[in-house]
Amino acid sequence: MVFNILTIVFSGIAIIFTFYSIFIANKKKDRNDITFKMLDRWTSDPLRSHRTLGWQLFKEYISEEEIRENKPIYIGVIREKFQEEYKSLSEVFHFFADLQKLLLNGLINRKLAKELFGSTIKSWFRYVEKIDYQTYEEPESDYNNRLKEFFEDEVFPLSEQLDFTLNRPKINNNIEEKIEEMKIFKKKISKIKNKEAKYKQASNS
């Protein structure tokens, strides 16, 4: 009698363990599947085009010296001067935000994601971490607040999920100085852009 009861108990435990093992295996498979779906999205033709356009903009308009000196990249100026490129950068930023949320909630394979995306995204974050999303010449707006929440809560934390450290520009609370810095950045962008336009015009003539 006792033997039969123990047999039933152990059989029950074995069944539970089997179902648990299946559950864990399926959960791991689901995480892997979602991870590879994100890779498919990252390497898809549309996002590849957006990445190329955004990367070219950063490489052409942000110097290595500015990166080393930890100068801010005023995304408001980029949005004003390069509307198409800004749209492409937005697509890349939203990919980063989606990847961060999936990692945060344990919905993708963290180790696999680090292997697939880590080094590439770390290269991108040399620029992304410098982004200053405020538009100091304008009063606080809903758009500015949404942009702040987007970068602070969804984009920048991706560095923690992929285990690398951000090197954000130092916060300068002097608004007048920030406005002057932004004006200098805008002039620099405009100068390079005008120079490129003249070069293209000369090449086509």
N, C-alpha and C. Protein backbone atom coordinates (compact mmCIF):
# COMPACT_ATOMS: atom_id res chain seq x y z
N MET A 1 0.83 -1.21 0.00
CA MET A 1 0.00 0.00 0.00
C MET A 1 0.87 1.26 0.00
N VAL A 2 1.84 1.27 0.97
CA VAL A 2 2.76 2.41 1.05
C VAL A 2 3.58 2.52 -0.22
N PHE A 3 3.99 1.38 -0.74
CA PHE A 3 4.78 1.36 -1.99
C PHE A 3 3.97 1.96 -3.13
N ASN A 4 2.70 1.60 -3.22
CA ASN A 4 1.84 2.13 -4.29
C ASN A 4 1.68 3.64 -4.17
N ILE A 5 1.51 4.11 -2.93
CA ILE A 5 1.36 5.56 -2.73
C ILE A 5 2.63 6.30 -3.14
N LEU A 6 3.80 5.74 -2.73
CA LEU A 6 5.08 6.37 -3.11
C LEU A 6 5.27 6.37 -4.62
N THR A 7 4.86 5.26 -5.23
CA THR A 7 4.96 5.18 -6.70
C THR A 7 4.14 6.26 -7.36
N ILE A 8 2.91 6.44 -6.85
CA ILE A 8 2.02 7.47 -7.41
C ILE A 8 2.62 8.86 -7.20
N VAL A 9 3.17 9.10 -5.98
CA VAL A 9 3.76 10.41 -5.68
C VAL A 9 4.94 10.71 -6.59
N PHE A 10 5.85 9.72 -6.70
CA PHE A 10 7.03 9.92 -7.54
C PHE A 10 6.64 10.06 -9.02
N SER A 11 5.62 9.33 -9.44
CA SER A 11 5.14 9.45 -10.82
C SER A 11 4.59 10.85 -11.07
N GLY A 12 3.86 11.36 -10.04
CA GLY A 12 3.32 12.71 -10.15
C GLY A 12 4.42 13.75 -10.25
N ILE A 13 5.45 13.59 -9.41
CA ILE A 13 6.59 14.52 -9.44
C ILE A 13 7.29 14.46 -10.80
N ALA A 14 7.45 13.24 -11.33
CA ALA A 14 8.10 13.07 -12.64
C ALA A 14 7.31 13.77 -13.73
N ILE A 15 5.98 13.65 -13.67
CA ILE A 15 5.12 14.29 -14.68
C ILE A 15 5.23 15.81 -14.58
N ILE A 16 5.18 16.31 -13.33
CA ILE A 16 5.30 17.76 -13.13
C ILE A 16 6.65 18.26 -13.64
N PHE A 17 7.72 17.54 -13.33
CA PHE A 17 9.06 17.93 -13.78
C PHE A 17 9.14 17.92 -15.30
N THR A 18 8.49 16.90 -15.92
CA THR A 18 8.49 16.81 -17.39
C THR A 18 7.80 18.02 -18.01
N PHE A 19 6.61 18.36 -17.47
CA PHE A 19 5.88 19.50 -17.99
C PHE A 19 6.65 20.81 -17.75
N TYR A 20 7.31 20.89 -16.59
CA TYR A 20 8.10 22.09 -16.29
C TYR A 20 9.27 22.22 -17.26
N SER A 21 9.92 21.09 -17.55
CA SER A 21 11.05 21.09 -18.49
C SER A 21 10.59 21.52 -19.87
N ILE A 22 9.41 21.01 -20.27
CA ILE A 22 8.85 21.38 -21.58
C ILE A 22 8.54 22.88 -21.60
N PHE A 23 7.96 23.37 -20.49
CA PHE A 23 7.62 24.79 -20.39
C PHE A 23 8.86 25.66 -20.52
N ILE A 24 9.93 25.29 -19.78
CA ILE A 24 11.18 26.05 -19.82
C ILE A 24 11.79 26.01 -21.22
N ALA A 25 11.76 24.83 -21.84
CA ALA A 25 12.33 24.68 -23.19
C ALA A 25 11.57 25.53 -24.19
N ASN A 26 10.22 25.53 -24.07
CA ASN A 26 9.40 26.33 -24.98
C ASN A 26 9.62 27.82 -24.76
N LYS A 27 9.77 28.19 -23.48
CA LYS A 27 10.01 29.60 -23.17
C LYS A 27 11.34 30.06 -23.75
N LYS A 28 12.37 29.20 -23.62
CA LYS A 28 13.68 29.52 -24.18
C LYS A 28 13.61 29.63 -25.69
N LYS A 29 12.86 28.70 -26.32
CA LYS A 29 12.69 28.74 -27.77
C LYS A 29 11.98 30.02 -28.19
N ASP A 30 10.95 30.42 -27.43
CA ASP A 30 10.23 31.65 -27.74
C ASP A 30 11.16 32.85 -27.66
N ARG A 31 12.01 32.89 -26.62
CA ARG A 31 12.95 34.01 -26.48
C ARG A 31 13.94 34.03 -27.63
N ASN A 32 14.42 32.85 -28.03
CA ASN A 32 15.34 32.79 -29.16
C ASN A 32 14.66 33.25 -30.45
N ASP A 33 13.41 32.81 -30.63
CA ASP A 33 12.66 33.18 -31.84
C ASP A 33 12.49 34.70 -31.93
N ILE A 34 12.13 35.33 -30.81
CA ILE A 34 11.94 36.78 -30.81
C ILE A 34 13.27 37.49 -31.04
N THR A 35 14.35 36.94 -30.48
CA THR A 35 15.68 37.53 -30.68
C THR A 35 16.05 37.53 -32.16
N PHE A 36 15.81 36.40 -32.84
CA PHE A 36 16.14 36.32 -34.27
C PHE A 36 15.19 37.17 -35.11
N LYS A 37 13.95 37.36 -34.65
CA LYS A 37 13.04 38.26 -35.35
C LYS A 37 13.56 39.70 -35.28
N MET A 38 14.12 40.07 -34.12
CA MET A 38 14.72 41.40 -34.00
C MET A 38 15.94 41.53 -34.90
N LEU A 39 16.70 40.44 -35.03
CA LEU A 39 17.85 40.46 -35.96
C LEU A 39 17.36 40.63 -37.39
N ASP A 40 16.28 39.93 -37.75
CA ASP A 40 15.70 40.09 -39.09
C ASP A 40 15.29 41.53 -39.34
N ARG A 41 14.71 42.14 -38.33
CA ARG A 41 14.29 43.55 -38.45
C ARG A 41 15.51 44.46 -38.60
N TRP A 42 16.56 44.21 -37.81
CA TRP A 42 17.77 45.03 -37.84
C TRP A 42 18.48 44.94 -39.20
N THR A 43 18.43 43.76 -39.82
CA THR A 43 19.14 43.55 -41.09
C THR A 43 18.21 43.67 -42.31
N SER A 44 16.94 44.01 -42.08
CA SER A 44 16.00 44.15 -43.19
C SER A 44 16.39 45.33 -44.08
N ASP A 45 15.98 45.28 -45.33
CA ASP A 45 16.35 46.35 -46.27
C ASP A 45 15.89 47.73 -45.81
N PRO A 46 14.64 47.89 -45.32
CA PRO A 46 14.23 49.23 -44.88
C PRO A 46 15.09 49.78 -43.75
N LEU A 47 15.32 48.96 -42.71
CA LEU A 47 16.10 49.47 -41.58
C LEU A 47 17.57 49.59 -41.94
N ARG A 48 18.04 48.74 -42.84
CA ARG A 48 19.43 48.87 -43.31
C ARG A 48 19.62 50.22 -44.00
N SER A 49 18.64 50.62 -44.81
CA SER A 49 18.71 51.93 -45.48
C SER A 49 18.69 53.07 -44.47
N HIS A 50 17.81 52.94 -43.46
CA HIS A 50 17.76 53.97 -42.41
C HIS A 50 19.07 54.04 -41.64
N ARG A 51 19.64 52.89 -41.34
CA ARG A 51 20.90 52.86 -40.61
C ARG A 51 22.01 53.52 -41.42
N THR A 52 22.05 53.22 -42.70
CA THR A 52 23.09 53.78 -43.57
C THR A 52 22.99 55.30 -43.61
N LEU A 53 21.76 55.80 -43.81
CA LEU A 53 21.56 57.25 -43.91
C LEU A 53 21.90 57.94 -42.59
N GLY A 54 21.45 57.37 -41.49
CA GLY A 54 21.73 57.97 -40.19
C GLY A 54 23.20 57.93 -39.83
N TRP A 55 23.84 56.80 -40.13
CA TRP A 55 25.27 56.65 -39.83
C TRP A 55 26.11 57.63 -40.65
N GLN A 56 25.76 57.78 -41.92
CA GLN A 56 26.49 58.72 -42.78
C GLN A 56 26.38 60.14 -42.23
N LEU A 57 25.19 60.49 -41.75
CA LEU A 57 25.01 61.84 -41.19
C LEU A 57 25.92 62.05 -39.98
N PHE A 58 25.95 61.10 -39.08
CA PHE A 58 26.81 61.22 -37.91
C PHE A 58 28.28 61.32 -38.32
N LYS A 59 28.71 60.47 -39.24
CA LYS A 59 30.12 60.44 -39.63
C LYS A 59 30.53 61.72 -40.35
N GLU A 60 29.62 62.30 -41.11
CA GLU A 60 29.95 63.49 -41.90
C GLU A 60 29.91 64.77 -41.08
N TYR A 61 29.03 64.82 -40.09
CA TYR A 61 28.79 66.08 -39.39
C TYR A 61 29.28 66.11 -37.95
N ILE A 62 29.63 64.95 -37.40
CA ILE A 62 30.14 64.91 -36.03
C ILE A 62 31.58 64.39 -36.08
N SER A 63 32.52 65.23 -35.70
CA SER A 63 33.93 64.85 -35.81
C SER A 63 34.36 63.95 -34.65
N GLU A 64 35.45 63.23 -34.88
CA GLU A 64 36.02 62.39 -33.83
C GLU A 64 36.49 63.25 -32.65
N GLU A 65 36.95 64.45 -32.96
CA GLU A 65 37.38 65.36 -31.89
C GLU A 65 36.21 65.71 -30.97
N GLU A 66 35.05 65.96 -31.58
CA GLU A 66 33.86 66.27 -30.78
C GLU A 66 33.44 65.08 -29.92
N ILE A 67 33.59 63.88 -30.47
CA ILE A 67 33.26 62.68 -29.71
C ILE A 67 34.21 62.54 -28.52
N ARG A 68 35.50 62.74 -28.77
CA ARG A 68 36.50 62.61 -27.69
C ARG A 68 36.27 63.66 -26.61
N GLU A 69 35.87 64.86 -27.03
CA GLU A 69 35.64 65.95 -26.07
C GLU A 69 34.26 65.88 -25.43
N ASN A 70 33.49 64.86 -25.81
CA ASN A 70 32.16 64.63 -25.21
C ASN A 70 31.21 65.80 -25.45
N LYS A 71 31.26 66.35 -26.67
CA LYS A 71 30.37 67.46 -27.01
C LYS A 71 28.97 66.92 -27.31
N PRO A 72 27.94 67.67 -26.90
CA PRO A 72 26.57 67.20 -27.17
C PRO A 72 26.19 67.30 -28.64
N ILE A 73 25.34 66.38 -29.06
CA ILE A 73 24.75 66.42 -30.40
C ILE A 73 23.31 66.89 -30.23
N TYR A 74 23.02 68.07 -30.73
CA TYR A 74 21.69 68.65 -30.54
C TYR A 74 20.72 68.07 -31.58
N ILE A 75 19.91 67.14 -31.13
CA ILE A 75 19.04 66.42 -32.06
C ILE A 75 17.98 67.35 -32.66
N GLY A 76 17.65 68.43 -31.94
CA GLY A 76 16.70 69.40 -32.49
C GLY A 76 17.23 70.07 -33.74
N VAL A 77 18.54 70.32 -33.75
CA VAL A 77 19.19 70.92 -34.93
C VAL A 77 19.20 69.92 -36.08
N ILE A 78 19.48 68.66 -35.77
CA ILE A 78 19.45 67.61 -36.79
C ILE A 78 18.06 67.53 -37.40
N ARG A 79 17.04 67.57 -36.55
CA ARG A 79 15.64 67.49 -37.04
C ARG A 79 15.32 68.68 -37.94
N GLU A 80 15.84 69.84 -37.61
CA GLU A 80 15.57 71.05 -38.39
C GLU A 80 16.30 71.04 -39.73
N LYS A 81 17.56 70.61 -39.72
CA LYS A 81 18.41 70.72 -40.91
C LYS A 81 18.32 69.50 -41.83
N PHE A 82 18.00 68.35 -41.28
CA PHE A 82 18.02 67.11 -42.07
C PHE A 82 16.75 66.30 -41.80
N GLN A 83 15.67 66.68 -42.43
CA GLN A 83 14.39 66.04 -42.13
C GLN A 83 14.37 64.56 -42.52
N GLU A 84 14.88 64.22 -43.69
CA GLU A 84 14.89 62.82 -44.12
C GLU A 84 15.82 61.98 -43.25
N GLU A 85 17.00 62.51 -42.99
CA GLU A 85 17.96 61.78 -42.16
C GLU A 85 17.43 61.62 -40.73
N TYR A 86 16.72 62.63 -40.26
CA TYR A 86 16.15 62.55 -38.92
C TYR A 86 15.11 61.43 -38.84
N LYS A 87 14.30 61.30 -39.89
CA LYS A 87 13.31 60.21 -39.93
C LYS A 87 14.02 58.85 -39.86
N SER A 88 15.14 58.74 -40.58
CA SER A 88 15.90 57.49 -40.55
C SER A 88 16.48 57.23 -39.17
N LEU A 89 17.03 58.28 -38.56
CA LEU A 89 17.57 58.12 -37.21
C LEU A 89 16.47 57.71 -36.23
N SER A 90 15.28 58.27 -36.41
CA SER A 90 14.15 57.92 -35.53
C SER A 90 13.82 56.44 -35.62
N GLU A 91 13.90 55.88 -36.82
CA GLU A 91 13.63 54.44 -36.98
C GLU A 91 14.67 53.62 -36.22
N VAL A 92 15.92 54.05 -36.28
CA VAL A 92 16.98 53.34 -35.56
C VAL A 92 16.78 53.47 -34.05
N PHE A 93 16.45 54.68 -33.60
CA PHE A 93 16.22 54.90 -32.17
C PHE A 93 15.05 54.06 -31.65
N HIS A 94 14.00 53.92 -32.47
CA HIS A 94 12.85 53.13 -32.04
C HIS A 94 13.21 51.63 -32.00
N PHE A 95 14.10 51.21 -32.85
CA PHE A 95 14.58 49.83 -32.75
C PHE A 95 15.31 49.63 -31.42
N PHE A 96 16.18 50.58 -31.06
CA PHE A 96 16.89 50.50 -29.79
C PHE A 96 15.90 50.45 -28.62
N ALA A 97 14.87 51.28 -28.69
CA ALA A 97 13.88 51.33 -27.62
C ALA A 97 13.13 50.00 -27.51
N ASP A 98 12.74 49.43 -28.63
CA ASP A 98 12.02 48.15 -28.62
C ASP A 98 12.91 47.03 -28.09
N LEU A 99 14.18 47.02 -28.51
CA LEU A 99 15.11 46.00 -28.03
C LEU A 99 15.30 46.12 -26.52
N GLN A 100 15.41 47.34 -26.04
CA GLN A 100 15.60 47.58 -24.61
C GLN A 100 14.40 47.07 -23.82
N LYS A 101 13.19 47.33 -24.31
CA LYS A 101 11.99 46.88 -23.59
C LYS A 101 11.88 45.36 -23.57
N LEU A 102 12.24 44.72 -24.68
CA LEU A 102 12.22 43.26 -24.72
C LEU A 102 13.23 42.66 -23.75
N LEU A 103 14.42 43.24 -23.69
CA LEU A 103 15.44 42.77 -22.76
C LEU A 103 15.01 43.00 -21.31
N LEU A 104 14.46 44.17 -21.06
CA LEU A 104 14.04 44.53 -19.71
C LEU A 104 13.00 43.56 -19.17
N ASN A 105 12.12 43.11 -20.06
CA ASN A 105 11.03 42.23 -19.64
C ASN A 105 11.34 40.74 -19.81
N GLY A 106 12.60 40.45 -20.15
CA GLY A 106 13.03 39.06 -20.26
C GLY A 106 12.39 38.30 -21.39
N LEU A 107 12.02 39.00 -22.45
CA LEU A 107 11.30 38.36 -23.56
C LEU A 107 12.22 37.88 -24.68
N ILE A 108 13.51 38.23 -24.60
CA ILE A 108 14.46 37.73 -25.58
C ILE A 108 15.69 37.19 -24.84
N ASN A 109 16.48 36.41 -25.57
CA ASN A 109 17.66 35.77 -25.01
C ASN A 109 18.77 36.82 -24.86
N ARG A 110 19.05 37.19 -23.61
CA ARG A 110 20.02 38.26 -23.35
C ARG A 110 21.41 37.94 -23.89
N LYS A 111 21.89 36.72 -23.64
CA LYS A 111 23.22 36.33 -24.08
C LYS A 111 23.31 36.36 -25.61
N LEU A 112 22.29 35.84 -26.25
CA LEU A 112 22.26 35.82 -27.72
C LEU A 112 22.17 37.24 -28.26
N ALA A 113 21.35 38.08 -27.62
CA ALA A 113 21.20 39.47 -28.07
C ALA A 113 22.53 40.22 -27.97
N LYS A 114 23.28 39.98 -26.89
CA LYS A 114 24.58 40.63 -26.73
C LYS A 114 25.54 40.20 -27.82
N GLU A 115 25.48 38.92 -28.21
CA GLU A 115 26.36 38.42 -29.26
C GLU A 115 25.97 38.99 -30.63
N LEU A 116 24.67 39.11 -30.86
CA LEU A 116 24.18 39.54 -32.17
C LEU A 116 24.26 41.06 -32.36
N PHE A 117 23.97 41.81 -31.29
CA PHE A 117 23.83 43.26 -31.43
C PHE A 117 24.88 44.07 -30.68
N GLY A 118 25.52 43.46 -29.68
CA GLY A 118 26.34 44.22 -28.74
C GLY A 118 27.35 45.17 -29.36
N SER A 119 28.25 44.65 -30.19
CA SER A 119 29.34 45.48 -30.72
C SER A 119 28.82 46.54 -31.68
N THR A 120 27.83 46.18 -32.51
CA THR A 120 27.28 47.14 -33.47
C THR A 120 26.58 48.28 -32.76
N ILE A 121 25.76 47.94 -31.78
CA ILE A 121 25.01 48.98 -31.07
C ILE A 121 25.95 49.83 -30.22
N LYS A 122 26.99 49.22 -29.68
CA LYS A 122 27.97 50.00 -28.93
C LYS A 122 28.62 51.05 -29.82
N SER A 123 28.89 50.71 -31.07
CA SER A 123 29.43 51.69 -32.02
C SER A 123 28.45 52.83 -32.25
N TRP A 124 27.18 52.50 -32.39
CA TRP A 124 26.15 53.52 -32.57
C TRP A 124 26.07 54.43 -31.35
N PHE A 125 26.22 53.84 -30.18
CA PHE A 125 26.05 54.63 -28.96
C PHE A 125 27.19 55.61 -28.71
N ARG A 126 28.27 55.52 -29.47
CA ARG A 126 29.30 56.57 -29.39
C ARG A 126 28.69 57.91 -29.77
N TYR A 127 27.68 57.87 -30.65
CA TYR A 127 26.96 59.09 -31.04
C TYR A 127 25.68 59.26 -30.23
N VAL A 128 24.94 58.17 -30.07
CA VAL A 128 23.64 58.26 -29.39
C VAL A 128 23.79 58.80 -27.98
N GLU A 129 24.84 58.40 -27.27
CA GLU A 129 25.02 58.84 -25.89
C GLU A 129 25.28 60.34 -25.78
N LYS A 130 25.66 60.98 -26.89
CA LYS A 130 25.94 62.42 -26.88
C LYS A 130 24.69 63.26 -27.15
N ILE A 131 23.59 62.61 -27.45
CA ILE A 131 22.40 63.34 -27.88
C ILE A 131 21.82 64.20 -26.76
N ASP A 132 21.63 65.47 -27.10
CA ASP A 132 20.91 66.40 -26.23
C ASP A 132 19.56 66.65 -26.92
N TYR A 133 18.50 66.23 -26.27
CA TYR A 133 17.17 66.26 -26.91
C TYR A 133 16.40 67.55 -26.62
N GLN A 134 16.96 68.45 -25.80
CA GLN A 134 16.25 69.68 -25.47
C GLN A 134 16.40 70.72 -26.59
N THR A 135 15.36 71.53 -26.77
CA THR A 135 15.43 72.65 -27.71
C THR A 135 15.39 73.93 -26.86
N TYR A 136 16.56 74.44 -26.54
CA TYR A 136 16.69 75.48 -25.52
C TYR A 136 16.14 76.83 -25.96
N GLU A 137 15.97 77.01 -27.27
CA GLU A 137 15.44 78.28 -27.75
C GLU A 137 13.92 78.33 -27.65
N GLU A 138 13.30 77.20 -27.30
CA GLU A 138 11.85 77.13 -27.20
C GLU A 138 11.46 76.80 -25.76
N PRO A 139 10.27 77.19 -25.33
CA PRO A 139 9.81 76.80 -24.00
C PRO A 139 9.53 75.30 -23.95
N GLU A 140 9.42 74.77 -22.73
CA GLU A 140 9.10 73.35 -22.56
C GLU A 140 7.79 73.03 -23.29
N SER A 141 7.78 71.94 -23.99
CA SER A 141 6.59 71.54 -24.73
C SER A 141 6.31 70.07 -24.48
N ASP A 142 5.11 69.63 -24.87
CA ASP A 142 4.77 68.21 -24.74
C ASP A 142 5.73 67.37 -25.57
N TYR A 143 6.10 67.91 -26.76
CA TYR A 143 7.02 67.17 -27.62
C TYR A 143 8.37 66.98 -26.93
N ASN A 144 8.89 68.06 -26.31
CA ASN A 144 10.16 67.96 -25.60
C ASN A 144 10.09 66.96 -24.46
N ASN A 145 8.98 66.98 -23.74
CA ASN A 145 8.82 66.06 -22.61
C ASN A 145 8.76 64.60 -23.09
N ARG A 146 8.04 64.38 -24.21
CA ARG A 146 7.97 63.03 -24.76
C ARG A 146 9.34 62.57 -25.23
N LEU A 147 10.09 63.49 -25.84
CA LEU A 147 11.43 63.16 -26.32
C LEU A 147 12.35 62.81 -25.15
N LYS A 148 12.22 63.57 -24.08
CA LYS A 148 13.03 63.30 -22.88
C LYS A 148 12.71 61.90 -22.33
N GLU A 149 11.43 61.60 -22.19
CA GLU A 149 11.02 60.28 -21.68
C GLU A 149 11.50 59.17 -22.60
N PHE A 150 11.41 59.42 -23.91
CA PHE A 150 11.81 58.40 -24.88
C PHE A 150 13.28 58.05 -24.73
N PHE A 151 14.14 59.06 -24.69
CA PHE A 151 15.58 58.79 -24.61
C PHE A 151 15.99 58.30 -23.22
N GLU A 152 15.50 58.96 -22.18
CA GLU A 152 15.92 58.61 -20.82
C GLU A 152 15.38 57.26 -20.37
N ASP A 153 14.14 56.93 -20.77
CA ASP A 153 13.49 55.72 -20.26
C ASP A 153 13.61 54.53 -21.20
N GLU A 154 13.80 54.79 -22.51
CA GLU A 154 13.72 53.69 -23.47
C GLU A 154 14.99 53.46 -24.28
N VAL A 155 15.72 54.52 -24.61
CA VAL A 155 16.89 54.37 -25.48
C VAL A 155 18.18 54.21 -24.67
N PHE A 156 18.51 55.20 -23.83
CA PHE A 156 19.76 55.15 -23.08
C PHE A 156 19.91 53.90 -22.21
N PRO A 157 18.83 53.40 -21.56
CA PRO A 157 18.99 52.20 -20.72
C PRO A 157 19.40 50.94 -21.48
N LEU A 158 19.37 50.98 -22.81
CA LEU A 158 19.81 49.81 -23.57
C LEU A 158 21.27 49.48 -23.26
N SER A 159 22.05 50.50 -22.95
CA SER A 159 23.46 50.27 -22.61
C SER A 159 23.59 49.34 -21.39
N GLU A 160 22.71 49.52 -20.41
CA GLU A 160 22.74 48.65 -19.23
C GLU A 160 22.38 47.22 -19.60
N GLN A 161 21.39 47.07 -20.48
CA GLN A 161 20.96 45.73 -20.87
C GLN A 161 22.05 44.99 -21.64
N LEU A 162 22.87 45.74 -22.38
CA LEU A 162 23.94 45.12 -23.18
C LEU A 162 25.31 45.25 -22.51
N ASP A 163 25.30 45.72 -21.26
CA ASP A 163 26.51 45.74 -20.42
C ASP A 163 27.63 46.62 -20.96
N PHE A 164 27.31 47.84 -21.37
CA PHE A 164 28.38 48.80 -21.61
C PHE A 164 27.98 50.13 -20.98
N THR A 165 28.98 50.96 -20.70
CA THR A 165 28.77 52.18 -19.92
C THR A 165 28.58 53.38 -20.83
N LEU A 166 27.58 54.20 -20.49
CA LEU A 166 27.37 55.44 -21.23
C LEU A 166 28.37 56.50 -20.78
N ASN A 167 28.76 57.35 -21.72
CA ASN A 167 29.61 58.49 -21.41
C ASN A 167 28.88 59.75 -21.85
N ARG A 168 27.87 60.13 -21.07
CA ARG A 168 27.02 61.26 -21.43
C ARG A 168 27.76 62.58 -21.22
N PRO A 169 27.48 63.58 -22.07
CA PRO A 169 28.06 64.91 -21.83
C PRO A 169 27.64 65.45 -20.47
N LYS A 170 28.51 66.24 -19.88
CA LYS A 170 28.19 66.83 -18.57
C LYS A 170 27.00 67.77 -18.69
N ILE A 171 26.16 67.74 -17.68
CA ILE A 171 24.97 68.58 -17.68
C ILE A 171 25.35 70.02 -17.36
N ASN A 172 24.97 70.92 -18.25
CA ASN A 172 25.19 72.35 -18.03
C ASN A 172 23.82 72.99 -17.80
N ASN A 173 23.59 73.47 -16.59
CA ASN A 173 22.29 74.03 -16.25
C ASN A 173 22.15 75.50 -16.60
N ASN A 174 23.20 76.06 -17.17
CA ASN A 174 23.13 77.46 -17.61
C ASN A 174 22.49 77.50 -18.99
N ILE A 175 21.22 77.89 -19.04
CA ILE A 175 20.45 77.84 -20.29
C ILE A 175 21.05 78.76 -21.35
N GLU A 176 21.51 79.94 -20.94
CA GLU A 176 22.09 80.88 -21.91
C GLU A 176 23.31 80.29 -22.59
N GLU A 177 24.14 79.63 -21.80
CA GLU A 177 25.33 78.97 -22.36
C GLU A 177 24.93 77.84 -23.30
N LYS A 178 23.90 77.08 -22.92
CA LYS A 178 23.44 75.98 -23.76
C LYS A 178 22.90 76.50 -25.09
N ILE A 179 22.20 77.61 -25.03
CA ILE A 179 21.67 78.20 -26.27
C ILE A 179 22.81 78.62 -27.19
N GLU A 180 23.85 79.20 -26.62
CA GLU A 180 25.01 79.60 -27.42
C GLU A 180 25.71 78.37 -28.01
N GLU A 181 25.85 77.32 -27.21
CA GLU A 181 26.46 76.08 -27.71
C GLU A 181 25.65 75.51 -28.88
N MET A 182 24.33 75.55 -28.72
CA MET A 182 23.47 75.02 -29.77
C MET A 182 23.57 75.86 -31.05
N LYS A 183 23.69 77.16 -30.90
CA LYS A 183 23.85 78.05 -32.07
C LYS A 183 25.16 77.75 -32.79
N ILE A 184 26.22 77.52 -32.03
CA ILE A 184 27.51 77.17 -32.62
C ILE A 184 27.41 75.85 -33.37
N PHE A 185 26.73 74.88 -32.75
CA PHE A 185 26.53 73.58 -33.39
C PHE A 185 25.74 73.75 -34.69
N LYS A 186 24.70 74.58 -34.65
CA LYS A 186 23.87 74.81 -35.84
C LYS A 186 24.68 75.47 -36.95
N LYS A 187 25.52 76.43 -36.60
CA LYS A 187 26.36 77.10 -37.60
C LYS A 187 27.34 76.12 -38.23
N LYS A 188 27.91 75.27 -37.40
CA LYS A 188 28.86 74.27 -37.91
C LYS A 188 28.18 73.33 -38.90
N ILE A 189 26.99 72.85 -38.53
CA ILE A 189 26.22 71.96 -39.40
C ILE A 189 25.89 72.65 -40.72
N SER A 190 25.42 73.90 -40.62
CA SER A 190 25.05 74.66 -41.83
C SER A 190 26.25 74.88 -42.73
N LYS A 191 27.40 75.17 -42.14
CA LYS A 191 28.62 75.41 -42.92
C LYS A 191 29.03 74.17 -43.69
N ILE A 192 29.01 73.02 -43.02
CA ILE A 192 29.37 71.77 -43.69
C ILE A 192 28.36 71.44 -44.78
N LYS A 193 27.08 71.64 -44.46
CA LYS A 193 26.03 71.33 -45.42
C LYS A 193 26.14 72.21 -46.66
N ASN A 194 26.40 73.50 -46.48
CA ASN A 194 26.55 74.41 -47.62
C ASN A 194 27.78 74.06 -48.46
N LYS A 195 28.85 73.67 -47.79
CA LYS A 195 30.08 73.27 -48.48
C LYS A 195 29.81 72.04 -49.35
N GLU A 196 29.08 71.08 -48.80
CA GLU A 196 28.77 69.86 -49.55
C GLU A 196 27.87 70.18 -50.74
N ALA A 197 26.91 71.09 -50.54
CA ALA A 197 25.99 71.47 -51.62
C ALA A 197 26.76 72.12 -52.77
N LYS A 198 27.73 72.98 -52.44
CA LYS A 198 28.54 73.63 -53.48
C LYS A 198 29.39 72.61 -54.21
N TYR A 199 29.92 71.63 -53.48
CA TYR A 199 30.74 70.59 -54.08
C TYR A 199 29.92 69.75 -55.07
N LYS A 200 28.70 69.41 -54.65
CA LYS A 200 27.82 68.63 -55.53
C LYS A 200 27.43 69.42 -56.77
N GLN A 201 27.17 70.72 -56.56
CA GLN A 201 26.81 71.58 -57.68
C GLN A 201 27.95 71.68 -58.68
N ALA A 202 29.19 71.82 -58.16
CA ALA A 202 30.36 71.91 -59.02
C ALA A 202 30.60 70.60 -59.76
N SER A 203 30.31 69.48 -59.10
CA SER A 203 30.52 68.16 -59.71
C SER A 203 29.53 67.90 -60.84
N ASN A 204 28.32 68.45 -60.69
CA ASN A 204 27.26 68.23 -61.69
C ASN A 204 27.34 69.20 -62.88
N SER A 205 28.13 70.27 -62.71
CA SER A 205 28.21 71.26 -63.79
C SER A 205 29.27 70.90 -64.82
